[in-house]
Amino acid sequence: MKAKPEPTPEPVALPPAPAPPSEIDFIEASVSLRYDDVFQWTQPNEVADVRWREGAYEFVCHNGVMLRISVLAAGIFRLRYSPDGVFQADFSYAIDPGFEAEKVVVRLEERDA
């Protein structure tokens, strides 16, 4: 008596992959997927104002982007960039926490290009 071949099972259709979420926790964010809530391009546009504040020059753009330039000592500059014009508490891995900035005279000169 010959054995009957077993019937081939029907292929099972896999459900479609879920769409990526529009909002996720920061911890779950994958840099490679570039979710809109954790990554966006923000470029400075025309400088609207230049001001001296807290020992630094701040260059404020029309779109709210801000660049802060501090002179910590002769030849040591610190640049901070903020896409929304708000700077968090000052912190740097590059500067020794015990470092005290020198008193440096700074002058801004504007010239027509």
N, C-alpha and C. Protein backbone atom coordinates (compact mmCIF):
# COMPACT_ATOMS: atom_id res chain seq x y z
N MET A 1 0.83 -1.16 0.00
CA MET A 1 0.00 0.00 0.00
C MET A 1 0.88 1.24 0.00
N LYS A 2 0.58 2.11 -0.91
CA LYS A 2 1.36 3.33 -1.04
C LYS A 2 0.82 4.39 -0.10
N ALA A 3 1.78 5.15 0.48
CA ALA A 3 1.37 6.25 1.36
C ALA A 3 0.95 7.43 0.52
N LYS A 4 -0.15 8.04 0.92
CA LYS A 4 -0.63 9.21 0.19
C LYS A 4 0.21 10.42 0.59
N PRO A 5 0.60 11.24 -0.39
CA PRO A 5 1.36 12.45 -0.02
C PRO A 5 0.47 13.41 0.77
N GLU A 6 1.09 14.05 1.76
CA GLU A 6 0.33 14.99 2.58
C GLU A 6 0.00 16.22 1.75
N PRO A 7 -1.19 16.78 1.94
CA PRO A 7 -1.55 17.97 1.15
C PRO A 7 -0.68 19.17 1.54
N THR A 8 -0.36 19.97 0.56
CA THR A 8 0.44 21.18 0.80
C THR A 8 -0.45 22.23 1.46
N PRO A 9 0.01 22.78 2.60
CA PRO A 9 -0.84 23.79 3.26
C PRO A 9 -0.92 25.07 2.43
N GLU A 10 -2.04 25.73 2.56
CA GLU A 10 -2.25 27.00 1.86
C GLU A 10 -1.30 28.05 2.45
N PRO A 11 -0.71 28.92 1.61
CA PRO A 11 0.16 29.97 2.17
C PRO A 11 -0.65 30.94 3.03
N VAL A 12 -0.07 31.31 4.14
CA VAL A 12 -0.74 32.21 5.07
C VAL A 12 -0.28 33.63 4.77
N ALA A 13 -1.23 34.51 4.56
CA ALA A 13 -0.89 35.92 4.29
C ALA A 13 -0.55 36.61 5.61
N LEU A 14 0.60 37.28 5.62
CA LEU A 14 1.00 38.02 6.82
C LEU A 14 0.28 39.35 6.87
N PRO A 15 -0.10 39.79 8.05
CA PRO A 15 -0.76 41.10 8.14
C PRO A 15 0.24 42.21 7.78
N PRO A 16 -0.26 43.31 7.25
CA PRO A 16 0.67 44.40 6.89
C PRO A 16 1.35 44.97 8.13
N ALA A 17 2.57 45.44 7.94
CA ALA A 17 3.32 46.03 9.06
C ALA A 17 2.62 47.31 9.51
N PRO A 18 2.59 47.55 10.81
CA PRO A 18 1.94 48.78 11.29
C PRO A 18 2.71 50.02 10.85
N ALA A 19 1.99 51.09 10.66
CA ALA A 19 2.62 52.36 10.27
C ALA A 19 3.45 52.88 11.43
N PRO A 20 4.59 53.54 11.14
CA PRO A 20 5.38 54.09 12.24
C PRO A 20 4.55 55.12 13.01
N PRO A 21 4.70 55.17 14.32
CA PRO A 21 3.92 56.11 15.11
C PRO A 21 4.33 57.55 14.83
N SER A 22 3.39 58.46 14.99
CA SER A 22 3.72 59.87 14.79
C SER A 22 4.28 60.48 16.06
N GLU A 23 3.98 59.89 17.21
CA GLU A 23 4.54 60.35 18.48
C GLU A 23 5.00 59.14 19.27
N ILE A 24 6.25 59.21 19.74
CA ILE A 24 6.80 58.12 20.53
C ILE A 24 7.57 58.71 21.70
N ASP A 25 7.87 57.87 22.69
CA ASP A 25 8.71 58.29 23.79
C ASP A 25 10.12 58.52 23.27
N PHE A 26 10.81 59.49 23.85
CA PHE A 26 12.18 59.81 23.43
C PHE A 26 13.08 58.58 23.54
N ILE A 27 12.88 57.77 24.58
CA ILE A 27 13.71 56.58 24.81
C ILE A 27 13.57 55.60 23.64
N GLU A 28 12.39 55.54 23.03
CA GLU A 28 12.14 54.58 21.96
C GLU A 28 12.54 55.11 20.59
N ALA A 29 12.98 56.34 20.52
CA ALA A 29 13.28 56.95 19.22
C ALA A 29 14.48 56.28 18.57
N SER A 30 14.33 55.96 17.32
CA SER A 30 15.42 55.41 16.53
C SER A 30 15.96 56.53 15.66
N VAL A 31 17.23 56.82 15.83
CA VAL A 31 17.84 57.90 15.06
C VAL A 31 17.74 57.59 13.57
N SER A 32 17.83 56.32 13.21
CA SER A 32 17.82 55.97 11.80
C SER A 32 16.47 56.21 11.14
N LEU A 33 15.38 56.22 11.90
CA LEU A 33 14.06 56.44 11.30
C LEU A 33 13.69 57.91 11.23
N ARG A 34 14.38 58.77 11.97
CA ARG A 34 14.18 60.22 11.92
C ARG A 34 12.72 60.61 12.11
N TYR A 35 12.14 60.22 13.22
CA TYR A 35 10.76 60.59 13.52
C TYR A 35 10.62 62.11 13.58
N ASP A 36 9.50 62.61 13.10
CA ASP A 36 9.28 64.05 13.06
C ASP A 36 9.30 64.70 14.44
N ASP A 37 8.97 63.93 15.48
CA ASP A 37 8.93 64.55 16.80
C ASP A 37 10.30 64.60 17.48
N VAL A 38 11.32 63.97 16.91
CA VAL A 38 12.66 64.03 17.51
C VAL A 38 13.71 64.57 16.56
N PHE A 39 13.36 64.84 15.33
CA PHE A 39 14.34 65.34 14.37
C PHE A 39 13.68 66.32 13.43
N GLN A 40 14.31 67.44 13.26
CA GLN A 40 13.85 68.40 12.26
C GLN A 40 15.02 69.29 11.86
N TRP A 41 14.99 69.77 10.64
CA TRP A 41 16.01 70.71 10.17
C TRP A 41 15.60 72.11 10.60
N THR A 42 16.50 72.80 11.26
CA THR A 42 16.27 74.19 11.62
C THR A 42 17.50 74.97 11.21
N GLN A 43 17.33 75.86 10.28
CA GLN A 43 18.46 76.65 9.79
C GLN A 43 18.26 78.10 10.16
N PRO A 44 19.34 78.78 10.53
CA PRO A 44 19.21 80.20 10.81
C PRO A 44 18.94 80.97 9.53
N ASN A 45 18.17 82.03 9.65
CA ASN A 45 17.99 82.92 8.50
C ASN A 45 18.62 84.26 8.85
N GLU A 46 18.13 85.33 8.31
CA GLU A 46 18.75 86.65 8.50
C GLU A 46 18.79 87.04 9.98
N VAL A 47 19.93 87.61 10.39
CA VAL A 47 20.09 88.06 11.78
C VAL A 47 19.23 89.30 12.00
N ALA A 48 18.37 89.24 13.01
CA ALA A 48 17.46 90.35 13.31
C ALA A 48 18.01 91.26 14.39
N ASP A 49 18.80 90.69 15.31
CA ASP A 49 19.28 91.48 16.44
C ASP A 49 20.60 90.90 16.94
N VAL A 50 21.47 91.77 17.41
CA VAL A 50 22.70 91.37 18.08
C VAL A 50 22.69 92.07 19.42
N ARG A 51 22.91 91.29 20.49
CA ARG A 51 22.87 91.90 21.82
C ARG A 51 23.94 91.27 22.71
N TRP A 52 24.31 92.01 23.74
CA TRP A 52 25.26 91.55 24.74
C TRP A 52 24.47 91.12 25.95
N ARG A 53 24.61 89.86 26.37
CA ARG A 53 23.87 89.37 27.53
C ARG A 53 24.72 88.34 28.27
N GLU A 54 24.83 88.51 29.57
CA GLU A 54 25.52 87.56 30.43
C GLU A 54 26.92 87.23 29.93
N GLY A 55 27.65 88.25 29.50
CA GLY A 55 29.03 88.05 29.07
C GLY A 55 29.19 87.39 27.72
N ALA A 56 28.17 87.45 26.88
CA ALA A 56 28.24 86.83 25.56
C ALA A 56 27.46 87.66 24.55
N TYR A 57 27.87 87.57 23.30
CA TYR A 57 27.09 88.17 22.22
C TYR A 57 26.07 87.14 21.76
N GLU A 58 24.85 87.59 21.58
CA GLU A 58 23.79 86.74 21.06
C GLU A 58 23.33 87.28 19.71
N PHE A 59 23.34 86.41 18.73
CA PHE A 59 22.86 86.74 17.39
C PHE A 59 21.51 86.07 17.23
N VAL A 60 20.45 86.88 17.14
CA VAL A 60 19.08 86.37 17.09
C VAL A 60 18.57 86.51 15.66
N CYS A 61 18.09 85.40 15.10
CA CYS A 61 17.59 85.40 13.72
C CYS A 61 16.08 85.65 13.71
N HIS A 62 15.56 86.04 12.55
CA HIS A 62 14.12 86.29 12.41
C HIS A 62 13.28 85.06 12.76
N ASN A 63 13.80 83.86 12.49
CA ASN A 63 13.01 82.66 12.77
C ASN A 63 13.24 82.11 14.18
N GLY A 64 13.89 82.89 15.07
CA GLY A 64 14.05 82.49 16.46
C GLY A 64 15.33 81.73 16.77
N VAL A 65 16.06 81.30 15.75
CA VAL A 65 17.33 80.62 15.97
C VAL A 65 18.30 81.61 16.60
N MET A 66 19.11 81.12 17.55
CA MET A 66 20.04 82.02 18.23
C MET A 66 21.42 81.37 18.34
N LEU A 67 22.46 82.19 18.14
CA LEU A 67 23.84 81.78 18.34
C LEU A 67 24.41 82.66 19.44
N ARG A 68 24.99 82.03 20.47
CA ARG A 68 25.61 82.76 21.57
C ARG A 68 27.11 82.50 21.52
N ILE A 69 27.90 83.57 21.51
CA ILE A 69 29.36 83.45 21.47
C ILE A 69 29.92 84.08 22.74
N SER A 70 30.60 83.26 23.54
CA SER A 70 31.23 83.72 24.77
C SER A 70 32.74 83.65 24.60
N VAL A 71 33.46 84.61 25.16
CA VAL A 71 34.92 84.57 25.19
C VAL A 71 35.29 84.23 26.63
N LEU A 72 35.81 83.00 26.82
CA LEU A 72 36.12 82.53 28.17
C LEU A 72 37.50 82.96 28.62
N ALA A 73 38.41 83.09 27.68
CA ALA A 73 39.78 83.53 27.95
C ALA A 73 40.37 83.92 26.60
N ALA A 74 41.54 84.53 26.62
CA ALA A 74 42.18 84.90 25.36
C ALA A 74 42.37 83.63 24.52
N GLY A 75 41.72 83.57 23.38
CA GLY A 75 41.83 82.42 22.49
C GLY A 75 40.87 81.28 22.77
N ILE A 76 40.02 81.39 23.78
CA ILE A 76 39.03 80.33 24.08
C ILE A 76 37.63 80.91 23.91
N PHE A 77 36.94 80.43 22.88
CA PHE A 77 35.59 80.87 22.58
C PHE A 77 34.63 79.72 22.82
N ARG A 78 33.44 80.05 23.20
CA ARG A 78 32.40 79.03 23.36
C ARG A 78 31.21 79.44 22.51
N LEU A 79 30.79 78.53 21.62
CA LEU A 79 29.65 78.77 20.75
C LEU A 79 28.50 77.88 21.21
N ARG A 80 27.34 78.48 21.35
CA ARG A 80 26.13 77.72 21.68
C ARG A 80 25.07 78.08 20.65
N TYR A 81 24.36 77.06 20.19
CA TYR A 81 23.35 77.21 19.15
C TYR A 81 22.02 76.74 19.71
N SER A 82 20.97 77.52 19.50
CA SER A 82 19.64 77.12 19.97
C SER A 82 18.63 77.33 18.85
N PRO A 83 17.96 76.27 18.40
CA PRO A 83 16.99 76.42 17.33
C PRO A 83 15.75 77.22 17.73
N ASP A 84 15.46 77.30 19.04
CA ASP A 84 14.27 78.04 19.48
C ASP A 84 14.60 79.27 20.32
N GLY A 85 15.88 79.59 20.45
CA GLY A 85 16.27 80.79 21.20
C GLY A 85 16.30 80.61 22.70
N VAL A 86 16.14 79.37 23.18
CA VAL A 86 16.16 79.09 24.62
C VAL A 86 17.39 78.24 24.92
N PHE A 87 18.21 78.70 25.85
CA PHE A 87 19.40 77.95 26.25
C PHE A 87 19.15 77.29 27.60
N GLN A 88 19.47 76.02 27.70
CA GLN A 88 19.36 75.30 28.97
C GLN A 88 20.52 75.72 29.87
N ALA A 89 20.55 75.21 31.09
CA ALA A 89 21.62 75.53 32.02
C ALA A 89 22.97 75.26 31.37
N ASP A 90 23.91 76.15 31.61
CA ASP A 90 25.23 76.05 31.00
C ASP A 90 25.95 74.79 31.48
N PHE A 91 26.42 73.97 30.53
CA PHE A 91 27.11 72.74 30.86
C PHE A 91 28.02 72.37 29.69
N SER A 92 29.18 71.82 29.99
CA SER A 92 30.08 71.37 28.94
C SER A 92 30.97 70.26 29.45
N TYR A 93 31.14 69.19 28.66
CA TYR A 93 32.11 68.16 28.98
C TYR A 93 33.52 68.67 28.69
N ALA A 94 33.64 69.68 27.83
CA ALA A 94 34.95 70.17 27.40
C ALA A 94 35.58 71.13 28.39
N ILE A 95 34.81 71.66 29.32
CA ILE A 95 35.34 72.65 30.25
C ILE A 95 35.34 72.07 31.66
N ASP A 96 36.48 72.19 32.33
CA ASP A 96 36.62 71.73 33.71
C ASP A 96 35.61 72.47 34.58
N PRO A 97 34.82 71.76 35.40
CA PRO A 97 33.83 72.43 36.24
C PRO A 97 34.43 73.50 37.16
N GLY A 98 35.71 73.36 37.51
CA GLY A 98 36.36 74.35 38.36
C GLY A 98 36.94 75.53 37.60
N PHE A 99 36.79 75.52 36.28
CA PHE A 99 37.36 76.60 35.45
C PHE A 99 36.65 77.91 35.73
N GLU A 100 37.41 78.96 35.88
CA GLU A 100 36.84 80.30 36.04
C GLU A 100 37.33 81.16 34.89
N ALA A 101 36.40 81.71 34.16
CA ALA A 101 36.74 82.53 32.99
C ALA A 101 37.50 83.77 33.41
N GLU A 102 38.44 84.17 32.53
CA GLU A 102 39.19 85.40 32.77
C GLU A 102 38.32 86.60 32.44
N LYS A 103 38.72 87.74 32.92
CA LYS A 103 38.07 88.99 32.53
C LYS A 103 38.71 89.39 31.20
N VAL A 104 37.94 89.33 30.13
CA VAL A 104 38.45 89.62 28.79
C VAL A 104 37.63 90.76 28.20
N VAL A 105 38.32 91.73 27.62
CA VAL A 105 37.63 92.83 26.95
C VAL A 105 37.28 92.36 25.54
N VAL A 106 36.01 92.48 25.20
CA VAL A 106 35.53 92.02 23.90
C VAL A 106 34.86 93.19 23.19
N ARG A 107 35.14 93.32 21.90
CA ARG A 107 34.54 94.39 21.12
C ARG A 107 34.03 93.80 19.81
N LEU A 108 32.82 94.14 19.46
CA LEU A 108 32.21 93.68 18.21
C LEU A 108 32.33 94.79 17.18
N GLU A 109 32.90 94.46 16.03
CA GLU A 109 33.00 95.42 14.93
C GLU A 109 32.14 94.93 13.78
N GLU A 110 31.31 95.81 13.27
CA GLU A 110 30.49 95.47 12.10
C GLU A 110 31.05 96.20 10.90
N ARG A 111 31.14 95.48 9.79
CA ARG A 111 31.65 96.07 8.55
C ARG A 111 30.73 95.69 7.40
N ASP A 112 30.60 96.59 6.45
CA ASP A 112 29.83 96.27 5.25
C ASP A 112 30.65 95.31 4.40
N ALA A 113 30.01 94.30 3.88
CA ALA A 113 30.73 93.30 3.07
C ALA A 113 30.88 93.76 1.64
